[in-house]
């Protein structure tokens, strides 16, 4: 994270860099775009004045200044914490958009011209939700993307038994000099042929209970407006950087 402060009198800019483990995103009343809900919350700027003036080392006095926060680069695993707990420890249940795909808002990407295609983006990989009314009470449930891919294949495919059967079949055809129709597969056809894996799903992890849910169910869970203060609300978001194209 890079914090830049510019004195409005001498216009000298000072920079201060610091490492951050996670980014905190406030949950407020302001409407935010659903495609980039965290950009404005993380790339902040403020005007320092009145009792909050900036001490300028060049002017040697307190002056008004402009301060901005940017990120020279973002990590591969980006953790966002939604600030859902007020000073009174009560939870803020207001709905916050949680996109499955998020554009990168690091400084090089933020300055990229609109017509230039991005080189990477962030994919939502896991979410920790809070059920309860306060920070000290309640329950946490994790939702993680099912990373398994590929086709289902029978464990017997390509083993020695199949080779023996093929060899025996070839020998019998040669012996009787009579062509045989191609094999139709074994009786367990449904497990011996490659089958496309079902649609990508998520894993709901509630203590020692893990169950898969579909993308539609997960998106409905994220888009639902909480009806009561103890409802499940996203608290920690885990995004993984992914190359585009």
C-alpha atoms as a PDB file:
ATOM      1  CA  UNK A   1       0.000   0.000   0.000  1.00  0.00           C
ATOM      2  CA  UNK A   2       1.300   3.453  -0.959  1.00  0.00           C
ATOM      3  CA  UNK A   3       0.073   6.559   0.903  1.00  0.00           C
ATOM      4  CA  UNK A   4       0.779   9.807  -0.959  1.00  0.00           C
ATOM      5  CA  UNK A   5       0.378  13.219   0.654  1.00  0.00           C
ATOM      6  CA  UNK A   6       0.688  16.499  -1.249  1.00  0.00           C
ATOM      7  CA  UNK A   7       0.972  19.849   0.501  1.00  0.00           C
ATOM      8  CA  UNK A   8      -1.354  22.325  -1.217  1.00  0.00           C
ATOM      9  CA  UNK A   9       1.090  25.216  -0.678  1.00  0.00           C
ATOM     10  CA  UNK A  10       4.454  23.864  -1.803  1.00  0.00           C
ATOM     11  CA  UNK A  11       2.934  20.925  -3.767  1.00  0.00           C
ATOM     12  CA  UNK A  12       5.637  18.574  -2.554  1.00  0.00           C
ATOM     13  CA  UNK A  13       4.494  14.955  -2.530  1.00  0.00           C
ATOM     14  CA  UNK A  14       5.666  12.496   0.093  1.00  0.00           C
ATOM     15  CA  UNK A  15       5.175   8.745  -0.174  1.00  0.00           C
ATOM     16  CA  UNK A  16       4.972   6.113   2.509  1.00  0.00           C
ATOM     17  CA  UNK A  17       4.806   2.410   1.680  1.00  0.00           C
ATOM     18  CA  UNK A  18       3.627  -0.299   4.020  1.00  0.00           C
ATOM     19  CA  UNK A  19       2.729  -3.952   3.704  1.00  0.00           C
ATOM     20  CA  UNK A  20      -0.810  -5.084   4.455  1.00  0.00           C
ATOM     21  CA  UNK A  21      -2.085  -8.600   5.085  1.00  0.00           C
ATOM     22  CA  UNK A  22      -5.702  -7.843   4.231  1.00  0.00           C
ATOM     23  CA  UNK A  23      -7.843  -4.968   3.050  1.00  0.00           C
ATOM     24  CA  UNK A  24     -10.746  -3.711   5.132  1.00  0.00           C
ATOM     25  CA  UNK A  25     -13.824  -2.627   3.201  1.00  0.00           C
ATOM     26  CA  UNK A  26     -16.516  -0.575   4.961  1.00  0.00           C
ATOM     27  CA  UNK A  27     -20.148  -1.561   4.479  1.00  0.00           C
ATOM     28  CA  UNK A  28     -22.017   1.725   4.092  1.00  0.00           C
ATOM     29  CA  UNK A  29     -25.207   3.230   2.739  1.00  0.00           C
ATOM     30  CA  UNK A  30     -23.645   4.499  -0.484  1.00  0.00           C
ATOM     31  CA  UNK A  31     -24.555   2.742  -3.693  1.00  0.00           C
ATOM     32  CA  UNK A  32     -21.571   1.019  -5.285  1.00  0.00           C
ATOM     33  CA  UNK A  33     -21.246  -0.498  -8.774  1.00  0.00           C
ATOM     34  CA  UNK A  34     -21.857  -4.234  -8.725  1.00  0.00           C
ATOM     35  CA  UNK A  35     -18.906  -4.990 -11.052  1.00  0.00           C
ATOM     36  CA  UNK A  36     -16.294  -3.045  -9.029  1.00  0.00           C
ATOM     37  CA  UNK A  37     -17.691  -2.679  -5.504  1.00  0.00           C
ATOM     38  CA  UNK A  38     -14.309  -2.630  -3.743  1.00  0.00           C
ATOM     39  CA  UNK A  39     -12.344  -0.265  -5.982  1.00  0.00           C
ATOM     40  CA  UNK A  40     -13.714   2.963  -4.502  1.00  0.00           C
ATOM     41  CA  UNK A  41     -13.462   1.602  -0.956  1.00  0.00           C
ATOM     42  CA  UNK A  42      -9.795   0.628  -1.329  1.00  0.00           C
ATOM     43  CA  UNK A  43      -8.554   3.497  -3.511  1.00  0.00           C
ATOM     44  CA  UNK A  44      -9.402   6.333  -1.147  1.00  0.00           C
ATOM     45  CA  UNK A  45      -8.537  10.023  -1.074  1.00  0.00           C
ATOM     46  CA  UNK A  46      -9.144  12.737   1.513  1.00  0.00           C
ATOM     47  CA  UNK A  47      -8.525  16.424   2.072  1.00  0.00           C
ATOM     48  CA  UNK A  48      -6.659  17.246   5.283  1.00  0.00           C
ATOM     49  CA  UNK A  49      -7.833  20.519   6.826  1.00  0.00           C
ATOM     50  CA  UNK A  50      -8.881  22.248  10.041  1.00  0.00           C
ATOM     51  CA  UNK A  51      -7.880  20.099  13.016  1.00  0.00           C
ATOM     52  CA  UNK A  52      -6.507  17.436  10.697  1.00  0.00           C
ATOM     53  CA  UNK A  53      -3.877  19.473   8.855  1.00  0.00           C
ATOM     54  CA  UNK A  54      -0.651  17.928   7.596  1.00  0.00           C
ATOM     55  CA  UNK A  55       2.783  18.826   8.951  1.00  0.00           C
ATOM     56  CA  UNK A  56       4.856  19.764   5.920  1.00  0.00           C
ATOM     57  CA  UNK A  57       8.574  19.215   6.459  1.00  0.00           C
ATOM     58  CA  UNK A  58       9.408  21.692   3.727  1.00  0.00           C
ATOM     59  CA  UNK A  59       7.132  24.514   4.884  1.00  0.00           C
ATOM     60  CA  UNK A  60       7.784  23.616   8.539  1.00  0.00           C
ATOM     61  CA  UNK A  61       4.188  24.192   9.548  1.00  0.00           C
ATOM     62  CA  UNK A  62       0.768  22.599   9.400  1.00  0.00           C
ATOM     63  CA  UNK A  63      -0.850  23.022   5.998  1.00  0.00           C
ATOM     64  CA  UNK A  64      -3.844  21.683   4.186  1.00  0.00           C
ATOM     65  CA  UNK A  65      -3.021  18.660   2.063  1.00  0.00           C
ATOM     66  CA  UNK A  66      -4.444  15.966  -0.193  1.00  0.00           C
ATOM     67  CA  UNK A  67      -3.845  12.352   0.752  1.00  0.00           C
ATOM     68  CA  UNK A  68      -4.527   9.294  -1.393  1.00  0.00           C
ATOM     69  CA  UNK A  69      -4.137   5.552  -0.964  1.00  0.00           C
ATOM     70  CA  UNK A  70      -3.076   3.297  -3.847  1.00  0.00           C
ATOM     71  CA  UNK A  71      -1.527  -0.143  -4.311  1.00  0.00           C
ATOM     72  CA  UNK A  72       1.592  -0.593  -6.412  1.00  0.00           C
ATOM     73  CA  UNK A  73       0.776  -4.288  -6.683  1.00  0.00           C
ATOM     74  CA  UNK A  74      -1.628  -6.766  -5.160  1.00  0.00           C
ATOM     75  CA  UNK A  75      -0.836 -10.284  -3.918  1.00  0.00           C
ATOM     76  CA  UNK A  76      -1.864 -13.470  -5.672  1.00  0.00           C
ATOM     77  CA  UNK A  77      -4.229 -14.248  -2.782  1.00  0.00           C
ATOM     78  CA  UNK A  78      -6.192 -11.128  -1.907  1.00  0.00           C
ATOM     79  CA  UNK A  79      -8.162 -11.155   1.358  1.00  0.00           C
ATOM     80  CA  UNK A  80     -10.934  -8.601   1.843  1.00  0.00           C
ATOM     81  CA  UNK A  81     -12.564  -8.097   5.225  1.00  0.00           C
ATOM     82  CA  UNK A  82     -16.010  -6.522   5.200  1.00  0.00           C
ATOM     83  CA  UNK A  83     -16.309  -4.218   8.224  1.00  0.00           C
ATOM     84  CA  UNK A  84     -19.645  -5.521   9.468  1.00  0.00           C
ATOM     85  CA  UNK A  85     -19.170  -4.795  13.156  1.00  0.00           C
ATOM     86  CA  UNK A  86     -19.692  -1.324  14.601  1.00  0.00           C
ATOM     87  CA  UNK A  87     -18.162   0.077  17.774  1.00  0.00           C
ATOM     88  CA  UNK A  88     -21.026  -1.400  19.772  1.00  0.00           C
ATOM     89  CA  UNK A  89     -20.115  -4.889  18.496  1.00  0.00           C
ATOM     90  CA  UNK A  90     -23.446  -5.153  16.663  1.00  0.00           C
ATOM     91  CA  UNK A  91     -23.344  -6.535  13.152  1.00  0.00           C
ATOM     92  CA  UNK A  92     -24.148  -4.432  10.103  1.00  0.00           C
ATOM     93  CA  UNK A  93     -26.347  -6.697   7.991  1.00  0.00           C
ATOM     94  CA  UNK A  94     -26.604  -4.364   5.012  1.00  0.00           C
ATOM     95  CA  UNK A  95     -26.144  -6.168   1.699  1.00  0.00           C
ATOM     96  CA  UNK A  96     -22.756  -5.756  -0.013  1.00  0.00           C
ATOM     97  CA  UNK A  97     -22.194  -6.888  -3.628  1.00  0.00           C
ATOM     98  CA  UNK A  98     -19.791  -9.820  -3.840  1.00  0.00           C
ATOM     99  CA  UNK A  99     -18.742 -10.431  -7.458  1.00  0.00           C
ATOM    100  CA  UNK A 100     -17.374 -13.796  -8.544  1.00  0.00           C
ATOM    101  CA  UNK A 101     -14.973 -11.998 -10.922  1.00  0.00           C
ATOM    102  CA  UNK A 102     -13.267  -8.777  -9.877  1.00  0.00           C
ATOM    103  CA  UNK A 103     -11.012  -6.474 -11.935  1.00  0.00           C
ATOM    104  CA  UNK A 104      -7.617  -5.784 -10.416  1.00  0.00           C
ATOM    105  CA  UNK A 105      -7.324  -2.289  -8.921  1.00  0.00           C
ATOM    106  CA  UNK A 106      -3.548  -2.116  -8.448  1.00  0.00           C
ATOM    107  CA  UNK A 107      -1.962   1.115  -9.653  1.00  0.00           C
ATOM    108  CA  UNK A 108      -0.830  -0.132 -13.092  1.00  0.00           C
ATOM    109  CA  UNK A 109      -4.283  -1.607 -13.754  1.00  0.00           C
ATOM    110  CA  UNK A 110      -6.077   1.475 -12.440  1.00  0.00           C
ATOM    111  CA  UNK A 111      -4.148   3.643 -14.908  1.00  0.00           C
ATOM    112  CA  UNK A 112      -4.777   1.279 -17.832  1.00  0.00           C
ATOM    113  CA  UNK A 113      -6.692   2.881 -20.734  1.00  0.00           C
ATOM    114  CA  UNK A 114     -10.254   1.546 -21.099  1.00  0.00           C
ATOM    115  CA  UNK A 115      -9.556   0.224 -24.600  1.00  0.00           C
ATOM    116  CA  UNK A 116      -6.606  -1.881 -23.375  1.00  0.00           C
ATOM    117  CA  UNK A 117      -7.446  -5.411 -22.300  1.00  0.00           C
ATOM    118  CA  UNK A 118      -6.426  -6.397 -18.744  1.00  0.00           C
ATOM    119  CA  UNK A 119      -3.771  -9.065 -18.281  1.00  0.00           C
ATOM    120  CA  UNK A 120      -5.240 -10.530 -15.105  1.00  0.00           C
ATOM    121  CA  UNK A 121      -8.225 -10.418 -12.785  1.00  0.00           C
ATOM    122  CA  UNK A 122      -9.342 -11.899  -9.477  1.00  0.00           C
ATOM    123  CA  UNK A 123     -11.637 -14.896  -9.019  1.00  0.00           C
ATOM    124  CA  UNK A 124     -13.602 -15.423  -5.831  1.00  0.00           C
ATOM    125  CA  UNK A 125     -12.228 -18.629  -4.299  1.00  0.00           C
ATOM    126  CA  UNK A 126     -13.665 -18.753  -0.790  1.00  0.00           C
ATOM    127  CA  UNK A 127     -16.034 -16.885   1.522  1.00  0.00           C
ATOM    128  CA  UNK A 128     -16.434 -16.990   5.289  1.00  0.00           C
ATOM    129  CA  UNK A 129     -19.928 -16.012   6.408  1.00  0.00           C
ATOM    130  CA  UNK A 130     -21.047 -14.974   9.862  1.00  0.00           C
ATOM    131  CA  UNK A 131     -24.341 -16.039  11.414  1.00  0.00           C
ATOM    132  CA  UNK A 132     -25.306 -14.082  14.489  1.00  0.00           C
ATOM    133  CA  UNK A 133     -25.980 -10.603  15.841  1.00  0.00           C
ATOM    134  CA  UNK A 134     -22.655  -9.601  17.428  1.00  0.00           C
ATOM    135  CA  UNK A 135     -18.932 -10.126  16.971  1.00  0.00           C
ATOM    136  CA  UNK A 136     -18.623 -12.094  20.208  1.00  0.00           C
ATOM    137  CA  UNK A 137     -21.465 -14.473  19.380  1.00  0.00           C
ATOM    138  CA  UNK A 138     -22.650 -16.405  16.400  1.00  0.00           C
ATOM    139  CA  UNK A 139     -21.288 -19.008  14.050  1.00  0.00           C
ATOM    140  CA  UNK A 140     -18.996 -19.036  11.016  1.00  0.00           C
ATOM    141  CA  UNK A 141     -19.564 -21.060   7.840  1.00  0.00           C
ATOM    142  CA  UNK A 142     -17.017 -21.321   5.012  1.00  0.00           C
ATOM    143  CA  UNK A 143     -17.768 -21.708   1.327  1.00  0.00           C
ATOM    144  CA  UNK A 144     -14.887 -22.811  -0.907  1.00  0.00           C
ATOM    145  CA  UNK A 145     -14.745 -23.313  -4.646  1.00  0.00           C
ATOM    146  CA  UNK A 146     -14.493 -26.954  -5.713  1.00  0.00           C
ATOM    147  CA  UNK A 147     -11.168 -26.972  -7.555  1.00  0.00           C
ATOM    148  CA  UNK A 148     -11.463 -30.518  -8.950  1.00  0.00           C
ATOM    149  CA  UNK A 149     -11.744 -30.705 -12.716  1.00  0.00           C
ATOM    150  CA  UNK A 150     -11.420 -33.136 -15.573  1.00  0.00           C
ATOM    151  CA  UNK A 151     -13.462 -36.197 -16.419  1.00  0.00           C
ATOM    152  CA  UNK A 152     -14.586 -39.098 -14.299  1.00  0.00           C
ATOM    153  CA  UNK A 153     -12.845 -42.284 -15.426  1.00  0.00           C
ATOM    154  CA  UNK A 154     -13.196 -45.829 -14.288  1.00  0.00           C
ATOM    155  CA  UNK A 155     -10.255 -46.990 -12.178  1.00  0.00           C
ATOM    156  CA  UNK A 156     -10.080 -50.167 -14.249  1.00  0.00           C
ATOM    157  CA  UNK A 157      -9.505 -48.277 -17.485  1.00  0.00           C
ATOM    158  CA  UNK A 158      -6.151 -49.134 -19.033  1.00  0.00           C
ATOM    159  CA  UNK A 159      -5.246 -51.809 -16.450  1.00  0.00           C
ATOM    160  CA  UNK A 160      -3.869 -55.253 -17.089  1.00  0.00           C
ATOM    161  CA  UNK A 161      -7.227 -57.033 -17.219  1.00  0.00           C
ATOM    162  CA  UNK A 162      -8.392 -54.904 -20.115  1.00  0.00           C
ATOM    163  CA  UNK A 163      -5.165 -55.611 -22.002  1.00  0.00           C
ATOM    164  CA  UNK A 164      -5.574 -59.346 -21.482  1.00  0.00           C
ATOM    165  CA  UNK A 165      -9.140 -59.260 -22.741  1.00  0.00           C
ATOM    166  CA  UNK A 166      -8.113 -57.346 -25.851  1.00  0.00           C
ATOM    167  CA  UNK A 167      -5.272 -59.793 -26.526  1.00  0.00           C
ATOM    168  CA  UNK A 168      -7.547 -62.808 -26.122  1.00  0.00           C
ATOM    169  CA  UNK A 169     -10.124 -61.279 -28.418  1.00  0.00           C
ATOM    170  CA  UNK A 170      -7.468 -60.626 -31.066  1.00  0.00           C
ATOM    171  CA  UNK A 171      -6.208 -64.215 -30.802  1.00  0.00           C
ATOM    172  CA  UNK A 172      -9.703 -65.694 -31.242  1.00  0.00           C
ATOM    173  CA  UNK A 173     -10.392 -63.529 -34.296  1.00  0.00           C
ATOM    174  CA  UNK A 174      -7.162 -64.733 -35.865  1.00  0.00           C
ATOM    175  CA  UNK A 175      -7.849 -68.370 -35.013  1.00  0.00           C
ATOM    176  CA  UNK A 176     -11.313 -68.515 -36.532  1.00  0.00           C
ATOM    177  CA  UNK A 177     -10.530 -65.951 -39.278  1.00  0.00           C
ATOM    178  CA  UNK A 178     -13.856 -64.343 -38.699  1.00  0.00           C
ATOM    179  CA  UNK A 179     -14.262 -60.668 -37.890  1.00  0.00           C
ATOM    180  CA  UNK A 180     -16.090 -59.826 -34.722  1.00  0.00           C
ATOM    181  CA  UNK A 181     -18.166 -56.721 -34.090  1.00  0.00           C
ATOM    182  CA  UNK A 182     -16.495 -54.024 -32.037  1.00  0.00           C
ATOM    183  CA  UNK A 183     -17.031 -54.374 -28.287  1.00  0.00           C
ATOM    184  CA  UNK A 184     -19.789 -52.328 -26.746  1.00  0.00           C
ATOM    185  CA  UNK A 185     -18.137 -52.008 -23.359  1.00  0.00           C
ATOM    186  CA  UNK A 186     -18.788 -53.799 -20.112  1.00  0.00           C
ATOM    187  CA  UNK A 187     -22.053 -53.886 -18.207  1.00  0.00           C
ATOM    188  CA  UNK A 188     -20.840 -51.038 -15.996  1.00  0.00           C
ATOM    189  CA  UNK A 189     -20.864 -48.686 -18.969  1.00  0.00           C
ATOM    190  CA  UNK A 190     -21.750 -45.656 -16.911  1.00  0.00           C
ATOM    191  CA  UNK A 191     -18.526 -45.870 -14.918  1.00  0.00           C
ATOM    192  CA  UNK A 192     -16.120 -47.114 -17.600  1.00  0.00           C
ATOM    193  CA  UNK A 193     -16.489 -44.323 -20.134  1.00  0.00           C
ATOM    194  CA  UNK A 194     -15.318 -40.765 -19.594  1.00  0.00           C
ATOM    195  CA  UNK A 195     -18.183 -38.595 -18.411  1.00  0.00           C
ATOM    196  CA  UNK A 196     -18.145 -34.819 -18.193  1.00  0.00           C
ATOM    197  CA  UNK A 197     -17.932 -33.572 -14.640  1.00  0.00           C
ATOM    198  CA  UNK A 198     -21.059 -31.814 -13.357  1.00  0.00           C
ATOM    199  CA  UNK A 199     -21.129 -28.029 -13.372  1.00  0.00           C
ATOM    200  CA  UNK A 200     -18.665 -26.234 -11.158  1.00  0.00           C
ATOM    201  CA  UNK A 201     -19.876 -26.153  -7.597  1.00  0.00           C
ATOM    202  CA  UNK A 202     -18.944 -24.875  -4.177  1.00  0.00           C
ATOM    203  CA  UNK A 203     -18.361 -26.699  -0.927  1.00  0.00           C
ATOM    204  CA  UNK A 204     -20.291 -25.517   2.117  1.00  0.00           C
ATOM    205  CA  UNK A 205     -18.187 -26.263   5.221  1.00  0.00           C
ATOM    206  CA  UNK A 206     -20.153 -26.075   8.467  1.00  0.00           C
ATOM    207  CA  UNK A 207     -17.952 -27.525  11.225  1.00  0.00           C
ATOM    208  CA  UNK A 208     -17.447 -31.177  10.244  1.00  0.00           C
ATOM    209  CA  UNK A 209     -20.278 -31.191   7.685  1.00  0.00           C
ATOM    210  CA  UNK A 210     -19.261 -30.554   4.068  1.00  0.00           C
ATOM    211  CA  UNK A 211     -21.782 -30.561   1.243  1.00  0.00           C
ATOM    212  CA  UNK A 212     -21.628 -29.359  -2.379  1.00  0.00           C
ATOM    213  CA  UNK A 213     -23.878 -26.598  -3.662  1.00  0.00           C
ATOM    214  CA  UNK A 214     -24.342 -25.332  -7.207  1.00  0.00           C
ATOM    215  CA  UNK A 215     -23.224 -21.989  -8.580  1.00  0.00           C
ATOM    216  CA  UNK A 216     -26.834 -20.824  -8.694  1.00  0.00           C
ATOM    217  CA  UNK A 217     -27.355 -21.637  -5.026  1.00  0.00           C
ATOM    218  CA  UNK A 218     -24.143 -19.865  -4.071  1.00  0.00           C
ATOM    219  CA  UNK A 219     -24.964 -16.751  -6.095  1.00  0.00           C
ATOM    220  CA  UNK A 220     -28.438 -16.639  -4.553  1.00  0.00           C
ATOM    221  CA  UNK A 221     -26.807 -16.829  -1.132  1.00  0.00           C
ATOM    222  CA  UNK A 222     -24.537 -13.872  -1.916  1.00  0.00           C
ATOM    223  CA  UNK A 223     -27.243 -11.737  -3.503  1.00  0.00           C
ATOM    224  CA  UNK A 224     -29.880 -12.296  -0.828  1.00  0.00           C
ATOM    225  CA  UNK A 225     -30.826  -9.254   1.222  1.00  0.00           C
ATOM    226  CA  UNK A 226     -30.567 -10.173   4.935  1.00  0.00           C
ATOM    227  CA  UNK A 227     -34.018 -10.296   6.531  1.00  0.00           C
ATOM    228  CA  UNK A 228     -32.804 -10.204  10.122  1.00  0.00           C
ATOM    229  CA  UNK A 229     -29.676  -9.259  12.052  1.00  0.00           C
ATOM    230  CA  UNK A 230     -28.692 -12.870  12.716  1.00  0.00           C
ATOM    231  CA  UNK A 231     -28.779 -13.829   9.018  1.00  0.00           C
ATOM    232  CA  UNK A 232     -25.703 -15.175   7.233  1.00  0.00           C
ATOM    233  CA  UNK A 233     -23.605 -12.363   5.747  1.00  0.00           C
ATOM    234  CA  UNK A 234     -20.220 -12.467   3.955  1.00  0.00           C
ATOM    235  CA  UNK A 235     -17.390 -11.442   6.277  1.00  0.00           C
ATOM    236  CA  UNK A 236     -14.081 -12.557   4.734  1.00  0.00           C
ATOM    237  CA  UNK A 237     -13.578 -12.819   0.967  1.00  0.00           C
ATOM    238  CA  UNK A 238     -10.661 -14.688  -0.601  1.00  0.00           C
ATOM    239  CA  UNK A 239      -9.789 -13.769  -4.200  1.00  0.00           C
ATOM    240  CA  UNK A 240      -7.124 -15.497  -6.314  1.00  0.00           C
ATOM    241  CA  UNK A 241      -5.341 -13.744  -9.183  1.00  0.00           C
ATOM    242  CA  UNK A 242      -5.949 -15.355 -12.573  1.00  0.00           C
ATOM    243  CA  UNK A 243      -4.422 -14.552 -15.948  1.00  0.00           C
ATOM    244  CA  UNK A 244      -6.811 -13.408 -18.667  1.00  0.00           C
ATOM    245  CA  UNK A 245      -6.714 -15.342 -21.911  1.00  0.00           C
END
